[in-house]
Amino acid sequence: MKFTAIIPAREGSKGIPGKNLKLLCGKPLIQWTIEIAIKSPFIDKIIVSTESVQIAKIAKDLGAEVPFLRPKNLAEDSSKIIDVIIYYLKKLPKIDNFILMQPTSPIRELIDIKNLVDLEKRYKTHSVATVVEHKKHPYLMYSITNDMKLKAYLECSNSSNRQSYPNVYLLNGSLYLSKRSFILENKTLVNENTIASIMPPDRSIDIDNMQDWQQAASIIKRDMIKYL
C-alpha cells in the first residue's frame, strides 16, 4: 500500500518568524521533510499545504505537489491542523491513505515511516501516531490553588515509589498515519483506537522556538551522515 504525504507549512510563525523558510543546516526547514518523504518507498505522492507562494515554489522545485494555495483562514496562528486536513480531503477525493508530516519536526529516518506502516498492517488500524517517552511523570506535577497551595495534579497512592510509575508518552508531532474514513468520521487525528509508534528523543524535537531550533541543528550536525 502506498501513502500520500501531506505536509502543512504556513508562512507565519509566532516563535520563529518565517520558520518554514528559514535555513536549518543549509536547507529551508520544509526541505528536510520533503526530502525524507521522497526517499520513502511507502510514499508515492507529496502534497504541501501552504498559503505562501514562496513555500509553494520551493516545494514544487523539490518535487512535491501544491495543487492549490491554502485559504488564509486556515493559515492563521489559531488554525487547527485537523481542519486543514479535512479541507484537503474534501478538495482532493482521491486521497485515501495518507501520512501527515509536520515540517517543524525535521529529524526523521526512513525507519520511522516504515514503523508507522508496519504497525498499520499489524494492527489493521486506521490511525497511527508517533510518540516519545516523557521522563517527567504527571504524578510529580502540581497545580497551584488560588491561595497558593500545591495540589497534586493526579492522585497517586504510590507517589513515593517512582520506580513503580508506568511509562508515559507525548505525541511528538512528527508523523500521523490515517485514512480518509477515519478523519471524516472522527474529526481528529488521534483517539482511543490510535496505535502508538515510539520514536527516540533525538528524533522527537518539535521546533517551536530558537532553543528547539538550536537543538535540532546540533543533532543534525552531529549525525549529518544520516540526514544527507
Protein backbone atom coordinates (compact mmCIF):
# COMPACT_ATOMS: atom_id res chain seq x y z
CA MET A 1 0.00 0.00 0.00
CA LYS A 2 1.28 3.46 -0.90
CA PHE A 3 0.53 6.64 1.02
CA THR A 4 0.18 10.31 0.20
CA ALA A 5 2.36 12.55 2.35
CA ILE A 6 0.59 15.73 3.44
CA ILE A 7 2.98 18.44 4.64
CA PRO A 8 1.33 21.53 6.19
CA ALA A 9 3.57 24.58 6.02
CA ARG A 10 2.35 28.05 6.97
CA GLU A 11 4.43 31.11 6.19
CA GLY A 12 3.73 32.76 9.53
CA SER A 13 5.02 31.70 12.94
CA LYS A 14 4.97 33.41 16.32
CA GLY A 15 8.03 31.75 17.84
CA ILE A 16 10.32 31.96 14.79
CA PRO A 17 9.20 34.31 12.00
CA GLY A 18 9.29 32.65 8.58
CA LYS A 19 10.18 29.35 10.25
CA ASN A 20 9.43 27.02 7.34
CA LEU A 21 11.63 29.08 5.00
CA LYS A 22 14.47 29.63 7.48
CA LEU A 23 17.67 27.71 6.73
CA LEU A 24 18.38 24.81 9.07
CA CYS A 25 21.90 23.49 8.44
CA GLY A 26 21.84 24.97 4.94
CA LYS A 27 18.32 23.93 3.88
CA PRO A 28 14.90 25.57 4.30
CA LEU A 29 13.19 23.85 7.22
CA ILE A 30 10.47 22.39 4.99
CA GLN A 31 13.07 20.79 2.72
CA TRP A 32 14.10 18.27 5.40
CA THR A 33 10.58 16.83 5.48
CA ILE A 34 10.05 16.82 1.71
CA GLU A 35 13.36 15.02 1.14
CA ILE A 36 12.67 12.18 3.58
CA ALA A 37 9.19 11.76 2.07
CA ILE A 38 10.73 11.47 -1.42
CA LYS A 39 13.14 8.78 -0.18
CA SER A 40 10.45 6.64 1.47
CA PRO A 41 9.27 3.67 -0.63
CA PHE A 42 5.90 3.86 1.12
CA ILE A 43 5.07 7.34 -0.19
CA ASP A 44 4.08 7.86 -3.82
CA LYS A 45 2.80 11.44 -3.70
CA ILE A 46 3.74 14.50 -1.67
CA ILE A 47 1.28 17.35 -1.19
CA VAL A 48 2.34 20.55 0.52
CA SER A 49 -0.41 22.62 2.08
CA THR A 50 0.52 26.29 2.25
CA GLU A 51 -0.84 29.78 1.73
CA SER A 52 2.63 31.01 0.75
CA VAL A 53 3.69 31.48 -2.88
CA GLN A 54 7.34 31.28 -1.79
CA ILE A 55 6.89 28.00 0.10
CA ALA A 56 4.88 26.62 -2.81
CA LYS A 57 7.72 27.37 -5.23
CA ILE A 58 10.32 25.67 -3.02
CA ALA A 59 8.06 22.65 -2.61
CA LYS A 60 7.48 22.29 -6.36
CA ASP A 61 11.17 22.74 -7.12
CA LEU A 62 11.93 19.86 -4.75
CA GLY A 63 9.37 17.57 -6.40
CA ALA A 64 6.30 17.98 -4.21
CA GLU A 65 2.84 18.99 -5.42
CA VAL A 66 0.96 22.13 -4.40
CA PRO A 67 -2.46 21.63 -6.00
CA PHE A 68 -3.73 24.99 -4.71
CA LEU A 69 -2.91 27.56 -2.06
CA ARG A 70 -4.46 27.11 1.35
CA PRO A 71 -7.17 29.66 2.27
CA LYS A 72 -5.91 32.41 4.60
CA ASN A 73 -8.45 31.49 7.28
CA LEU A 74 -6.78 28.05 7.55
CA ALA A 75 -3.29 29.54 7.80
CA GLU A 76 -3.58 31.60 10.97
CA ASP A 77 -1.98 31.01 14.38
CA SER A 78 -5.34 29.80 15.68
CA SER A 79 -5.99 27.42 12.76
CA LYS A 80 -6.32 23.75 13.71
CA ILE A 81 -4.42 21.16 11.74
CA ILE A 82 -7.43 18.81 11.70
CA ASP A 83 -9.47 21.49 9.92
CA VAL A 84 -6.72 21.78 7.32
CA ILE A 85 -6.66 18.01 6.78
CA ILE A 86 -10.43 17.79 6.42
CA TYR A 87 -10.39 20.67 3.93
CA TYR A 88 -7.78 18.92 1.76
CA LEU A 89 -9.50 15.55 1.91
CA LYS A 90 -12.72 17.13 0.70
CA LYS A 91 -10.94 19.03 -2.07
CA LEU A 92 -8.85 16.03 -3.12
CA PRO A 93 -11.17 12.99 -3.07
CA LYS A 94 -8.52 10.62 -4.46
CA ILE A 95 -6.54 10.78 -1.22
CA ASP A 96 -7.45 7.77 0.89
CA ASN A 97 -4.39 6.65 2.86
CA PHE A 98 -2.06 9.41 3.99
CA ILE A 99 0.77 10.30 6.35
CA LEU A 100 0.79 13.76 7.89
CA MET A 101 4.37 15.00 8.17
CA GLN A 102 4.86 18.26 10.04
CA PRO A 103 7.92 20.25 8.87
CA THR A 104 8.53 21.53 12.41
CA SER A 105 9.79 18.00 13.19
CA PRO A 106 12.67 17.84 10.71
CA ILE A 107 14.68 14.96 12.20
CA ARG A 108 13.38 11.65 10.88
CA GLU A 109 14.80 8.46 9.46
CA LEU A 110 13.21 6.15 6.90
CA ILE A 111 12.67 3.57 9.66
CA ASP A 112 10.26 5.96 11.38
CA ILE A 113 7.95 5.92 8.35
CA LYS A 114 8.37 2.16 7.93
CA ASN A 115 7.43 1.59 11.58
CA LEU A 116 4.22 3.53 11.05
CA VAL A 117 3.24 1.42 8.05
CA ASP A 118 4.22 -1.86 9.76
CA LEU A 119 2.01 -1.01 12.74
CA GLU A 120 -0.88 -0.14 10.44
CA LYS A 121 -0.59 -3.59 8.84
CA ARG A 122 -0.04 -5.48 12.10
CA TYR A 123 -2.99 -3.97 13.93
CA LYS A 124 -5.19 -3.39 10.88
CA THR A 125 -5.78 0.11 12.18
CA HIS A 126 -6.85 3.38 10.60
CA SER A 127 -4.70 5.55 12.86
CA VAL A 128 -1.06 5.50 13.99
CA ALA A 129 0.81 8.39 15.65
CA THR A 130 4.42 8.85 16.72
CA VAL A 131 5.19 9.43 20.39
CA VAL A 132 8.22 9.88 22.63
CA GLU A 133 8.67 8.68 26.19
CA HIS A 134 8.38 11.55 28.67
CA LYS A 135 10.63 11.45 31.74
CA LYS A 136 8.67 13.96 33.83
CA HIS A 137 5.79 11.93 35.14
CA PRO A 138 2.41 13.63 35.77
CA TYR A 139 2.36 12.00 39.22
CA LEU A 140 5.07 14.53 40.14
CA MET A 141 3.16 17.54 38.88
CA TYR A 142 1.12 20.01 40.88
CA SER A 143 -1.32 22.80 40.24
CA ILE A 144 -1.46 25.87 42.50
CA THR A 145 -4.72 26.87 44.16
CA ASN A 146 -5.99 30.45 44.46
CA ASP A 147 -4.45 30.64 47.94
CA MET A 148 -1.07 29.43 46.54
CA LYS A 149 -1.23 25.89 47.91
CA LEU A 150 0.18 22.96 45.98
CA LYS A 151 -2.37 20.42 44.82
CA ALA A 152 -1.35 17.12 43.25
CA TYR A 153 -2.36 17.16 39.59
CA LEU A 154 -3.07 13.42 39.69
CA GLU A 155 -3.88 11.35 42.74
CA CYS A 156 -1.36 8.55 43.20
CA SER A 157 -1.32 6.05 46.04
CA ASN A 158 2.29 5.04 45.37
CA SER A 159 3.72 8.51 44.73
CA SER A 160 6.76 7.80 46.92
CA ASN A 161 7.94 4.94 44.70
CA ARG A 162 8.98 6.40 41.37
CA GLN A 163 10.23 3.06 40.06
CA SER A 164 6.66 1.77 40.01
CA TYR A 165 5.33 4.60 37.82
CA PRO A 166 4.08 3.45 34.41
CA ASN A 167 5.87 4.91 31.39
CA VAL A 168 4.14 7.93 29.90
CA TYR A 169 4.38 9.26 26.36
CA LEU A 170 3.84 12.51 24.49
CA LEU A 171 2.73 12.93 20.91
CA ASN A 172 5.89 14.24 19.26
CA GLY A 173 4.04 15.75 16.28
CA SER A 174 6.31 14.12 13.69
CA LEU A 175 4.11 11.59 11.88
CA TYR A 176 0.45 10.62 11.78
CA LEU A 177 -0.80 7.81 9.56
CA SER A 178 -4.51 7.89 8.87
CA LYS A 179 -7.28 7.18 6.40
CA ARG A 180 -9.92 9.38 4.85
CA SER A 181 -12.76 7.46 6.51
CA PHE A 182 -11.20 7.77 9.98
CA ILE A 183 -10.68 11.52 9.70
CA LEU A 184 -14.07 12.38 8.25
CA GLU A 185 -15.86 10.21 10.80
CA ASN A 186 -13.91 11.17 13.93
CA LYS A 187 -12.74 14.73 13.12
CA THR A 188 -9.47 14.04 14.93
CA LEU A 189 -6.03 12.59 14.21
CA VAL A 190 -5.88 10.64 17.49
CA ASN A 191 -8.49 8.80 19.53
CA GLU A 192 -8.64 5.82 21.89
CA ASN A 193 -8.02 3.41 18.99
CA THR A 194 -4.86 5.11 17.72
CA ILE A 195 -1.74 2.91 17.75
CA ALA A 196 1.50 4.38 19.16
CA SER A 197 4.78 4.32 17.26
CA ILE A 198 7.64 5.16 19.63
CA MET A 199 10.45 7.43 18.40
CA PRO A 200 13.66 8.27 20.30
CA PRO A 201 14.09 11.71 21.93
CA ASP A 202 16.75 12.83 19.42
CA ARG A 203 14.24 12.46 16.59
CA SER A 204 11.33 13.95 18.52
CA ILE A 205 12.19 17.65 18.51
CA ASP A 206 9.22 19.82 17.55
CA ILE A 207 10.65 23.24 16.69
CA ASP A 208 8.66 25.97 18.40
CA ASN A 209 11.38 28.42 19.49
CA MET A 210 15.06 29.17 18.96
CA GLN A 211 16.15 26.79 21.70
CA ASP A 212 14.41 23.94 19.83
CA TRP A 213 16.00 25.18 16.60
CA GLN A 214 19.48 25.14 18.04
CA GLN A 215 18.96 21.68 19.50
CA ALA A 216 17.78 20.34 16.15
CA ALA A 217 20.75 21.94 14.36
CA SER A 218 23.15 20.40 16.88
CA ILE A 219 21.73 16.90 16.35
CA ILE A 220 21.77 17.20 12.56
CA LYS A 221 25.39 18.40 12.58
CA ARG A 222 26.37 15.59 14.94
CA ASP A 223 24.69 12.91 12.81
CA MET A 224 24.93 14.62 9.42
CA ILE A 225 25.75 11.42 7.53
CA LYS A 226 22.26 10.08 8.37
CA TYR A 227 20.44 13.12 7.02
CA LEU A 228 22.28 13.86 3.75
